[in-house]
PDB file of N, CA and C in Angstrom:
ATOM      1  N   UNK A   1     -57.210  62.614 -17.622  1.00  0.00           N
ATOM      2  CA  UNK A   1     -57.767  63.149 -18.829  1.00  0.00           C
ATOM      3  C   UNK A   1     -56.984  62.650 -20.032  1.00  0.00           C
ATOM      4  N   UNK A   2     -57.671  62.338 -21.080  1.00  0.00           N
ATOM      5  CA  UNK A   2     -57.027  61.861 -22.304  1.00  0.00           C
ATOM      6  C   UNK A   2     -56.497  63.044 -23.102  1.00  0.00           C
ATOM      7  N   UNK A   3     -55.373  62.810 -23.764  1.00  0.00           N
ATOM      8  CA  UNK A   3     -54.784  63.860 -24.593  1.00  0.00           C
ATOM      9  C   UNK A   3     -55.515  63.939 -25.924  1.00  0.00           C
ATOM     10  N   UNK A   4     -55.560  65.122 -26.461  1.00  0.00           N
ATOM     11  CA  UNK A   4     -56.160  65.324 -27.775  1.00  0.00           C
ATOM     12  C   UNK A   4     -55.186  64.828 -28.834  1.00  0.00           C
ATOM     13  N   UNK A   5     -55.671  64.180 -29.854  1.00  0.00           N
ATOM     14  CA  UNK A   5     -54.830  63.658 -30.927  1.00  0.00           C
ATOM     15  C   UNK A   5     -54.208  64.772 -31.743  1.00  0.00           C
ATOM     16  N   UNK A   6     -54.768  65.960 -31.690  1.00  0.00           N
ATOM     17  CA  UNK A   6     -54.228  67.067 -32.458  1.00  0.00           C
ATOM     18  C   UNK A   6     -54.711  67.039 -33.888  1.00  0.00           C
ATOM     19  N   UNK A   7     -53.791  67.335 -34.805  1.00  0.00           N
ATOM     20  CA  UNK A   7     -54.188  67.458 -36.203  1.00  0.00           C
ATOM     21  C   UNK A   7     -53.859  66.218 -37.021  1.00  0.00           C
ATOM     22  N   UNK A   8     -53.496  65.108 -36.376  1.00  0.00           N
ATOM     23  CA  UNK A   8     -53.204  63.879 -37.113  1.00  0.00           C
ATOM     24  C   UNK A   8     -54.509  63.154 -37.424  1.00  0.00           C
ATOM     25  N   UNK A   9     -54.656  62.766 -38.689  1.00  0.00           N
ATOM     26  CA  UNK A   9     -55.861  62.064 -39.123  1.00  0.00           C
ATOM     27  C   UNK A   9     -55.461  60.774 -39.826  1.00  0.00           C
ATOM     28  N   UNK A  10     -56.369  59.813 -39.833  1.00  0.00           N
ATOM     29  CA  UNK A  10     -56.135  58.537 -40.520  1.00  0.00           C
ATOM     30  C   UNK A  10     -56.642  58.676 -41.948  1.00  0.00           C
ATOM     31  N   UNK A  11     -55.811  58.275 -42.907  1.00  0.00           N
ATOM     32  CA  UNK A  11     -56.159  58.378 -44.318  1.00  0.00           C
ATOM     33  C   UNK A  11     -56.115  57.000 -44.958  1.00  0.00           C
ATOM     34  N   UNK A  12     -56.764  56.856 -46.094  1.00  0.00           N
ATOM     35  CA  UNK A  12     -56.758  55.618 -46.867  1.00  0.00           C
ATOM     36  C   UNK A  12     -56.043  55.871 -48.181  1.00  0.00           C
ATOM     37  N   UNK A  13     -55.093  54.991 -48.518  1.00  0.00           N
ATOM     38  CA  UNK A  13     -54.351  55.085 -49.766  1.00  0.00           C
ATOM     39  C   UNK A  13     -54.822  53.979 -50.691  1.00  0.00           C
ATOM     40  N   UNK A  14     -55.160  54.331 -51.924  1.00  0.00           N
ATOM     41  CA  UNK A  14     -55.669  53.365 -52.899  1.00  0.00           C
ATOM     42  C   UNK A  14     -54.732  53.290 -54.090  1.00  0.00           C
ATOM     43  N   UNK A  15     -54.553  52.087 -54.621  1.00  0.00           N
ATOM     44  CA  UNK A  15     -53.660  51.861 -55.749  1.00  0.00           C
ATOM     45  C   UNK A  15     -54.178  52.574 -56.991  1.00  0.00           C
ATOM     46  N   UNK A  16     -53.265  53.191 -57.728  1.00  0.00           N
ATOM     47  CA  UNK A  16     -53.658  53.895 -58.948  1.00  0.00           C
ATOM     48  C   UNK A  16     -53.731  52.952 -60.143  1.00  0.00           C
ATOM     49  N   UNK A  17     -53.384  51.692 -59.987  1.00  0.00           N
ATOM     50  CA  UNK A  17     -53.408  50.728 -61.090  1.00  0.00           C
ATOM     51  C   UNK A  17     -54.818  50.248 -61.399  1.00  0.00           C
ATOM     52  N   UNK A  18     -55.783  50.583 -60.589  1.00  0.00           N
ATOM     53  CA  UNK A  18     -57.150  50.092 -60.806  1.00  0.00           C
ATOM     54  C   UNK A  18     -57.757  50.635 -62.079  1.00  0.00           C
ATOM     55  N   UNK A  19     -57.185  51.720 -62.628  1.00  0.00           N
ATOM     56  CA  UNK A  19     -57.728  52.308 -63.847  1.00  0.00           C
ATOM     57  C   UNK A  19     -57.085  51.755 -65.110  1.00  0.00           C
ATOM     58  N   UNK A  20     -55.984  51.040 -64.989  1.00  0.00           N
ATOM     59  CA  UNK A  20     -55.306  50.519 -66.179  1.00  0.00           C
ATOM     60  C   UNK A  20     -55.928  49.212 -66.614  1.00  0.00           C
ATOM     61  N   UNK A  21     -55.814  48.908 -67.897  1.00  0.00           N
ATOM     62  CA  UNK A  21     -56.396  47.687 -68.451  1.00  0.00           C
ATOM     63  C   UNK A  21     -55.331  46.705 -68.940  1.00  0.00           C
ATOM     64  N   UNK A  22     -54.139  46.768 -68.373  1.00  0.00           N
ATOM     65  CA  UNK A  22     -53.077  45.834 -68.757  1.00  0.00           C
ATOM     66  C   UNK A  22     -53.306  44.513 -68.043  1.00  0.00           C
ATOM     67  N   UNK A  23     -53.990  43.600 -68.691  1.00  0.00           N
ATOM     68  CA  UNK A  23     -54.339  42.323 -68.059  1.00  0.00           C
ATOM     69  C   UNK A  23     -53.131  41.422 -67.881  1.00  0.00           C
ATOM     70  N   UNK A  24     -52.069  41.633 -68.646  1.00  0.00           N
ATOM     71  CA  UNK A  24     -50.899  40.768 -68.514  1.00  0.00           C
ATOM     72  C   UNK A  24     -50.087  41.087 -67.261  1.00  0.00           C
ATOM     73  N   UNK A  25     -50.257  42.283 -66.665  1.00  0.00           N
ATOM     74  CA  UNK A  25     -49.522  42.635 -65.458  1.00  0.00           C
ATOM     75  C   UNK A  25     -50.240  42.183 -64.194  1.00  0.00           C
ATOM     76  N   UNK A  26     -51.547  42.086 -64.264  1.00  0.00           N
ATOM     77  CA  UNK A  26     -52.313  41.797 -63.058  1.00  0.00           C
ATOM     78  C   UNK A  26     -52.376  40.300 -62.779  1.00  0.00           C
ATOM     79  N   UNK A  27     -52.303  39.974 -61.501  1.00  0.00           N
ATOM     80  CA  UNK A  27     -52.465  38.583 -61.101  1.00  0.00           C
ATOM     81  C   UNK A  27     -53.933  38.259 -60.859  1.00  0.00           C
ATOM     82  N   UNK A  28     -54.662  39.207 -60.268  1.00  0.00           N
ATOM     83  CA  UNK A  28     -56.085  39.008 -60.016  1.00  0.00           C
ATOM     84  C   UNK A  28     -56.772  40.367 -59.951  1.00  0.00           C
ATOM     85  N   UNK A  29     -58.065  40.378 -60.085  1.00  0.00           N
ATOM     86  CA  UNK A  29     -58.838  41.614 -60.091  1.00  0.00           C
ATOM     87  C   UNK A  29     -59.070  42.093 -58.663  1.00  0.00           C
ATOM     88  N   UNK A  30     -59.206  43.400 -58.506  1.00  0.00           N
ATOM     89  CA  UNK A  30     -59.525  43.959 -57.203  1.00  0.00           C
ATOM     90  C   UNK A  30     -58.813  45.267 -56.964  1.00  0.00           C
ATOM     91  N   UNK A  31     -59.119  45.878 -55.834  1.00  0.00           N
ATOM     92  CA  UNK A  31     -58.507  47.136 -55.430  1.00  0.00           C
ATOM     93  C   UNK A  31     -57.807  46.900 -54.107  1.00  0.00           C
ATOM     94  N   UNK A  32     -56.572  47.360 -54.008  1.00  0.00           N
ATOM     95  CA  UNK A  32     -55.811  47.181 -52.785  1.00  0.00           C
ATOM     96  C   UNK A  32     -55.651  48.530 -52.106  1.00  0.00           C
ATOM     97  N   UNK A  33     -55.798  48.564 -50.787  1.00  0.00           N
ATOM     98  CA  UNK A  33     -55.723  49.812 -50.023  1.00  0.00           C
ATOM     99  C   UNK A  33     -54.829  49.658 -48.803  1.00  0.00           C
ATOM    100  N   UNK A  34     -54.125  50.739 -48.484  1.00  0.00           N
ATOM    101  CA  UNK A  34     -53.346  50.856 -47.255  1.00  0.00           C
ATOM    102  C   UNK A  34     -53.973  51.949 -46.404  1.00  0.00           C
ATOM    103  N   UNK A  35     -53.746  51.894 -45.093  1.00  0.00           N
ATOM    104  CA  UNK A  35     -54.141  52.991 -44.224  1.00  0.00           C
ATOM    105  C   UNK A  35     -52.882  53.573 -43.603  1.00  0.00           C
ATOM    106  N   UNK A  36     -52.909  54.878 -43.387  1.00  0.00           N
ATOM    107  CA  UNK A  36     -51.778  55.583 -42.818  1.00  0.00           C
ATOM    108  C   UNK A  36     -52.320  56.807 -42.092  1.00  0.00           C
ATOM    109  N   UNK A  37     -51.437  57.592 -41.522  1.00  0.00           N
ATOM    110  CA  UNK A  37     -51.854  58.826 -40.877  1.00  0.00           C
ATOM    111  C   UNK A  37     -50.979  59.962 -41.365  1.00  0.00           C
ATOM    112  N   UNK A  38     -51.539  61.169 -41.323  1.00  0.00           N
ATOM    113  CA  UNK A  38     -50.780  62.339 -41.737  1.00  0.00           C
ATOM    114  C   UNK A  38     -51.173  63.512 -40.859  1.00  0.00           C
ATOM    115  N   UNK A  39     -50.301  64.501 -40.823  1.00  0.00           N
ATOM    116  CA  UNK A  39     -50.572  65.724 -40.096  1.00  0.00           C
ATOM    117  C   UNK A  39     -51.293  66.682 -41.031  1.00  0.00           C
ATOM    118  N   UNK A  40     -52.475  67.073 -40.656  1.00  0.00           N
ATOM    119  CA  UNK A  40     -53.312  67.913 -41.505  1.00  0.00           C
ATOM    120  C   UNK A  40     -52.723  69.312 -41.691  1.00  0.00           C
ATOM    121  N   UNK A  41     -52.025  69.813 -40.680  1.00  0.00           N
ATOM    122  CA  UNK A  41     -51.434  71.152 -40.773  1.00  0.00           C
ATOM    123  C   UNK A  41     -50.215  71.179 -41.686  1.00  0.00           C
ATOM    124  N   UNK A  42     -49.362  70.175 -41.609  1.00  0.00           N
ATOM    125  CA  UNK A  42     -48.138  70.145 -42.412  1.00  0.00           C
ATOM    126  C   UNK A  42     -48.385  69.701 -43.852  1.00  0.00           C
ATOM    127  N   UNK A  43     -49.368  68.834 -44.069  1.00  0.00           N
ATOM    128  CA  UNK A  43     -49.651  68.302 -45.398  1.00  0.00           C
ATOM    129  C   UNK A  43     -51.142  68.472 -45.709  1.00  0.00           C
ATOM    130  N   UNK A  44     -51.565  69.671 -46.111  1.00  0.00           N
ATOM    131  CA  UNK A  44     -52.987  69.866 -46.389  1.00  0.00           C
ATOM    132  C   UNK A  44     -53.436  69.241 -47.709  1.00  0.00           C
ATOM    133  N   UNK A  45     -52.506  69.027 -48.644  1.00  0.00           N
ATOM    134  CA  UNK A  45     -52.877  68.439 -49.935  1.00  0.00           C
ATOM    135  C   UNK A  45     -52.955  66.919 -49.827  1.00  0.00           C
ATOM    136  N   UNK A  46     -53.411  66.290 -50.891  1.00  0.00           N
ATOM    137  CA  UNK A  46     -53.537  64.823 -50.905  1.00  0.00           C
ATOM    138  C   UNK A  46     -52.170  64.166 -50.961  1.00  0.00           C
ATOM    139  N   UNK A  47     -52.010  63.100 -50.212  1.00  0.00           N
ATOM    140  CA  UNK A  47     -50.745  62.395 -50.111  1.00  0.00           C
ATOM    141  C   UNK A  47     -50.642  61.347 -51.205  1.00  0.00           C
ATOM    142  N   UNK A  48     -49.422  61.121 -51.714  1.00  0.00           N
ATOM    143  CA  UNK A  48     -49.172  60.094 -52.720  1.00  0.00           C
ATOM    144  C   UNK A  48     -47.862  59.404 -52.369  1.00  0.00           C
ATOM    145  N   UNK A  49     -47.927  58.090 -52.149  1.00  0.00           N
ATOM    146  CA  UNK A  49     -46.758  57.299 -51.781  1.00  0.00           C
ATOM    147  C   UNK A  49     -46.585  56.145 -52.749  1.00  0.00           C
ATOM    148  N   UNK A  50     -45.350  55.681 -52.876  1.00  0.00           N
ATOM    149  CA  UNK A  50     -45.071  54.528 -53.727  1.00  0.00           C
ATOM    150  C   UNK A  50     -44.970  53.299 -52.829  1.00  0.00           C
ATOM    151  N   UNK A  51     -45.895  52.353 -53.031  1.00  0.00           N
ATOM    152  CA  UNK A  51     -45.955  51.141 -52.216  1.00  0.00           C
ATOM    153  C   UNK A  51     -46.175  49.930 -53.116  1.00  0.00           C
ATOM    154  N   UNK A  52     -46.049  48.745 -52.522  1.00  0.00           N
ATOM    155  CA  UNK A  52     -46.210  47.507 -53.278  1.00  0.00           C
ATOM    156  C   UNK A  52     -47.678  47.140 -53.383  1.00  0.00           C
ATOM    157  N   UNK A  53     -48.119  46.819 -54.599  1.00  0.00           N
ATOM    158  CA  UNK A  53     -49.483  46.359 -54.849  1.00  0.00           C
ATOM    159  C   UNK A  53     -49.437  44.875 -55.202  1.00  0.00           C
ATOM    160  N   UNK A  54     -50.032  44.008 -54.396  1.00  0.00           N
ATOM    161  CA  UNK A  54     -49.997  42.576 -54.698  1.00  0.00           C
ATOM    162  C   UNK A  54     -50.844  42.202 -55.912  1.00  0.00           C
ATOM    163  N   UNK A  55     -51.812  43.033 -56.294  1.00  0.00           N
ATOM    164  CA  UNK A  55     -52.627  42.731 -57.465  1.00  0.00           C
ATOM    165  C   UNK A  55     -51.870  42.987 -58.753  1.00  0.00           C
ATOM    166  N   UNK A  56     -51.002  44.007 -58.749  1.00  0.00           N
ATOM    167  CA  UNK A  56     -50.185  44.321 -59.932  1.00  0.00           C
ATOM    168  C   UNK A  56     -48.849  43.592 -59.887  1.00  0.00           C
ATOM    169  N   UNK A  57     -48.447  43.203 -58.698  1.00  0.00           N
ATOM    170  CA  UNK A  57     -47.141  42.597 -58.461  1.00  0.00           C
ATOM    171  C   UNK A  57     -46.025  43.597 -58.784  1.00  0.00           C
ATOM    172  N   UNK A  58     -46.287  44.877 -58.519  1.00  0.00           N
ATOM    173  CA  UNK A  58     -45.360  45.965 -58.786  1.00  0.00           C
ATOM    174  C   UNK A  58     -45.426  47.001 -57.673  1.00  0.00           C
ATOM    175  N   UNK A  59     -44.409  47.860 -57.589  1.00  0.00           N
ATOM    176  CA  UNK A  59     -44.477  49.042 -56.754  1.00  0.00           C
ATOM    177  C   UNK A  59     -45.153  50.134 -57.572  1.00  0.00           C
ATOM    178  N   UNK A  60     -46.289  50.628 -57.098  1.00  0.00           N
ATOM    179  CA  UNK A  60     -47.052  51.649 -57.816  1.00  0.00           C
ATOM    180  C   UNK A  60     -47.348  52.800 -56.887  1.00  0.00           C
ATOM    181  N   UNK A  61     -47.881  53.874 -57.447  1.00  0.00           N
ATOM    182  CA  UNK A  61     -48.253  55.042 -56.667  1.00  0.00           C
ATOM    183  C   UNK A  61     -49.618  54.819 -56.036  1.00  0.00           C
ATOM    184  N   UNK A  62     -49.689  55.069 -54.743  1.00  0.00           N
ATOM    185  CA  UNK A  62     -50.940  54.992 -54.001  1.00  0.00           C
ATOM    186  C   UNK A  62     -51.357  56.401 -53.654  1.00  0.00           C
ATOM    187  N   UNK A  63     -52.600  56.767 -54.002  1.00  0.00           N
ATOM    188  CA  UNK A  63     -53.083  58.118 -53.773  1.00  0.00           C
ATOM    189  C   UNK A  63     -54.114  58.112 -52.659  1.00  0.00           C
ATOM    190  N   UNK A  64     -54.152  59.202 -51.941  1.00  0.00           N
ATOM    191  CA  UNK A  64     -55.108  59.352 -50.852  1.00  0.00           C
ATOM    192  C   UNK A  64     -56.511  59.516 -51.404  1.00  0.00           C
ATOM    193  N   UNK A  65     -57.453  58.772 -50.817  1.00  0.00           N
ATOM    194  CA  UNK A  65     -58.853  58.901 -51.213  1.00  0.00           C
ATOM    195  C   UNK A  65     -59.624  59.460 -50.024  1.00  0.00           C
ATOM    196  N   UNK A  66     -60.773  59.991 -50.281  1.00  0.00           N
ATOM    197  CA  UNK A  66     -61.571  60.576 -49.217  1.00  0.00           C
ATOM    198  C   UNK A  66     -62.415  59.540 -48.536  1.00  0.00           C
TER     199      UNK A  66
END
């Protein structure tokens, strides 16, 4: 029998720089996304991590999207 995964779910993190209009910081247009997992019981709110965005060429905040 297979084990139940429990309360861990896969989430998508999207760069928050997509809303800014600073054209001098961006190398190219687009939206960059990471995937990760979180425990739904321990972290019921939306997750926000600081990761590298190749479109901005900076470390920016990535927010969880639905």
